[in-house]
Amino acid sequence: MASEFPIRTSDQLTGVLQAFRKESGMSQTEVAERMGLTQQKLSHLELNAQNASADRLLRLLSVLGVELVLRRSEGPSQDLPSGTSYPW
């Protein structure tokens, strides 16, 4: 598996999270137990990652041995019109 996976939309999370879990060799049940969840809750989290809290996603990544790294993209943002700034 490649070492970096740029995520630009929330829909991309599902496939990446499932791939990391499968690469780890753990079943949904094993990951869920480590997170204190049921297998059904973990399945829902994987399929609806865009609706999960940041805390839950970070816990999942930690169980999978994956870190979250934020960096500026190489080109200008496609999401914000030119001259628009982030609210913070």
C-alpha atoms as a PDB file:
ATOM      1  CA  MET A   1       0.000   0.000   0.000  1.00  0.00           C
ATOM      2  CA  ALA A   2       1.285   3.513  -0.781  1.00  0.00           C
ATOM      3  CA  SER A   3       2.394   5.608   2.171  1.00  0.00           C
ATOM      4  CA  GLU A   4       0.191   8.660   1.505  1.00  0.00           C
ATOM      5  CA  PHE A   5      -3.473   8.881   0.607  1.00  0.00           C
ATOM      6  CA  PRO A   6      -4.674  12.407  -0.128  1.00  0.00           C
ATOM      7  CA  ILE A   7      -8.299  12.745   0.935  1.00  0.00           C
ATOM      8  CA  ARG A   8     -10.055  15.630  -0.733  1.00  0.00           C
ATOM      9  CA  THR A   9     -13.675  14.610  -0.167  1.00  0.00           C
ATOM     10  CA  SER A  10     -15.401  12.873   2.730  1.00  0.00           C
ATOM     11  CA  ASP A  11     -16.611  10.142   0.367  1.00  0.00           C
ATOM     12  CA  GLN A  12     -13.020   8.986  -0.123  1.00  0.00           C
ATOM     13  CA  LEU A  13     -12.691   8.020   3.540  1.00  0.00           C
ATOM     14  CA  THR A  14     -14.748   4.821   3.293  1.00  0.00           C
ATOM     15  CA  GLY A  15     -12.453   3.002   0.893  1.00  0.00           C
ATOM     16  CA  VAL A  16      -9.277   4.158   2.582  1.00  0.00           C
ATOM     17  CA  LEU A  17     -10.442   3.150   6.065  1.00  0.00           C
ATOM     18  CA  GLN A  18     -11.555  -0.274   4.867  1.00  0.00           C
ATOM     19  CA  ALA A  19      -8.258  -0.770   3.013  1.00  0.00           C
ATOM     20  CA  PHE A  20      -6.214   0.111   6.102  1.00  0.00           C
ATOM     21  CA  ARG A  21      -8.248  -2.293   8.243  1.00  0.00           C
ATOM     22  CA  LYS A  22      -7.875  -5.117   5.738  1.00  0.00           C
ATOM     23  CA  GLU A  23      -4.154  -4.424   5.347  1.00  0.00           C
ATOM     24  CA  SER A  24      -3.795  -4.654   9.134  1.00  0.00           C
ATOM     25  CA  GLY A  25      -5.236  -8.168   9.009  1.00  0.00           C
ATOM     26  CA  MET A  26      -7.906  -7.297  11.555  1.00  0.00           C
ATOM     27  CA  SER A  27     -11.579  -8.069  11.165  1.00  0.00           C
ATOM     28  CA  GLN A  28     -14.284  -5.515  11.882  1.00  0.00           C
ATOM     29  CA  THR A  29     -14.986  -7.409  15.110  1.00  0.00           C
ATOM     30  CA  GLU A  30     -11.364  -7.140  16.276  1.00  0.00           C
ATOM     31  CA  VAL A  31     -11.127  -3.425  15.510  1.00  0.00           C
ATOM     32  CA  ALA A  32     -14.529  -2.789  17.096  1.00  0.00           C
ATOM     33  CA  GLU A  33     -13.483  -4.572  20.305  1.00  0.00           C
ATOM     34  CA  ARG A  34     -10.330  -2.460  20.532  1.00  0.00           C
ATOM     35  CA  MET A  35     -12.458   0.671  20.122  1.00  0.00           C
ATOM     36  CA  GLY A  36     -15.147  -0.440  22.568  1.00  0.00           C
ATOM     37  CA  LEU A  37     -17.766  -0.661  19.818  1.00  0.00           C
ATOM     38  CA  THR A  38     -19.927  -3.384  18.345  1.00  0.00           C
ATOM     39  CA  GLN A  39     -19.064  -4.777  14.927  1.00  0.00           C
ATOM     40  CA  GLN A  40     -22.258  -3.190  13.592  1.00  0.00           C
ATOM     41  CA  LYS A  41     -21.187   0.255  14.834  1.00  0.00           C
ATOM     42  CA  LEU A  42     -17.775  -0.122  13.224  1.00  0.00           C
ATOM     43  CA  SER A  43     -19.364  -1.216   9.950  1.00  0.00           C
ATOM     44  CA  HIS A  44     -21.574   1.882  10.075  1.00  0.00           C
ATOM     45  CA  LEU A  45     -18.537   4.060  10.835  1.00  0.00           C
ATOM     46  CA  GLU A  46     -16.617   2.637   7.866  1.00  0.00           C
ATOM     47  CA  LEU A  47     -19.536   3.083   5.487  1.00  0.00           C
ATOM     48  CA  ASN A  48     -20.472   6.550   6.785  1.00  0.00           C
ATOM     49  CA  ALA A  49     -17.072   7.922   7.775  1.00  0.00           C
ATOM     50  CA  GLN A  50     -18.045  11.389   6.605  1.00  0.00           C
ATOM     51  CA  ASN A  51     -20.561  11.540   9.492  1.00  0.00           C
ATOM     52  CA  ALA A  52     -18.201  10.291  12.221  1.00  0.00           C
ATOM     53  CA  SER A  53     -16.757  12.611  14.828  1.00  0.00           C
ATOM     54  CA  ALA A  54     -13.117  13.577  14.559  1.00  0.00           C
ATOM     55  CA  ASP A  55     -12.505  11.840  17.892  1.00  0.00           C
ATOM     56  CA  ARG A  56     -13.948   8.544  16.649  1.00  0.00           C
ATOM     57  CA  LEU A  57     -11.993   8.729  13.375  1.00  0.00           C
ATOM     58  CA  LEU A  58      -8.774   9.442  15.248  1.00  0.00           C
ATOM     59  CA  ARG A  59      -9.417   6.488  17.580  1.00  0.00           C
ATOM     60  CA  LEU A  60      -9.986   4.232  14.570  1.00  0.00           C
ATOM     61  CA  LEU A  61      -6.799   5.449  12.890  1.00  0.00           C
ATOM     62  CA  SER A  62      -4.871   4.836  16.111  1.00  0.00           C
ATOM     63  CA  VAL A  63      -6.144   1.245  16.363  1.00  0.00           C
ATOM     64  CA  LEU A  64      -5.145   0.711  12.730  1.00  0.00           C
ATOM     65  CA  GLY A  65      -1.675   2.182  13.315  1.00  0.00           C
ATOM     66  CA  VAL A  66      -2.331   5.078  10.958  1.00  0.00           C
ATOM     67  CA  GLU A  67      -1.618   8.732  11.640  1.00  0.00           C
ATOM     68  CA  LEU A  68      -3.433  11.771  10.318  1.00  0.00           C
ATOM     69  CA  VAL A  69      -1.146  14.338   8.683  1.00  0.00           C
ATOM     70  CA  LEU A  70      -2.482  17.640   7.406  1.00  0.00           C
ATOM     71  CA  ARG A  71      -0.557  19.605   4.832  1.00  0.00           C
ATOM     72  CA  ARG A  72      -1.297  22.249   2.289  1.00  0.00           C
ATOM     73  CA  SER A  73      -2.162  20.956  -1.151  1.00  0.00           C
ATOM     74  CA  GLU A  74       0.228  21.591  -4.001  1.00  0.00           C
ATOM     75  CA  GLY A  75      -2.080  23.925  -5.901  1.00  0.00           C
ATOM     76  CA  PRO A  76      -4.735  26.490  -5.042  1.00  0.00           C
ATOM     77  CA  SER A  77      -7.836  25.256  -3.266  1.00  0.00           C
ATOM     78  CA  GLN A  78     -10.647  24.156  -5.540  1.00  0.00           C
ATOM     79  CA  ASP A  79     -13.250  24.598  -2.800  1.00  0.00           C
ATOM     80  CA  LEU A  80     -12.998  28.314  -2.052  1.00  0.00           C
ATOM     81  CA  PRO A  81     -13.415  31.094  -4.594  1.00  0.00           C
ATOM     82  CA  SER A  82     -10.337  33.215  -5.173  1.00  0.00           C
ATOM     83  CA  GLY A  83      -9.892  35.822  -2.458  1.00  0.00           C
ATOM     84  CA  THR A  84     -11.969  33.888   0.090  1.00  0.00           C
ATOM     85  CA  SER A  85     -10.284  32.978   3.335  1.00  0.00           C
ATOM     86  CA  TYR A  86     -10.959  30.292   5.898  1.00  0.00           C
ATOM     87  CA  PRO A  87     -13.205  31.365   8.792  1.00  0.00           C
ATOM     88  CA  TRP A  88     -10.437  30.962  11.341  1.00  0.00           C
END
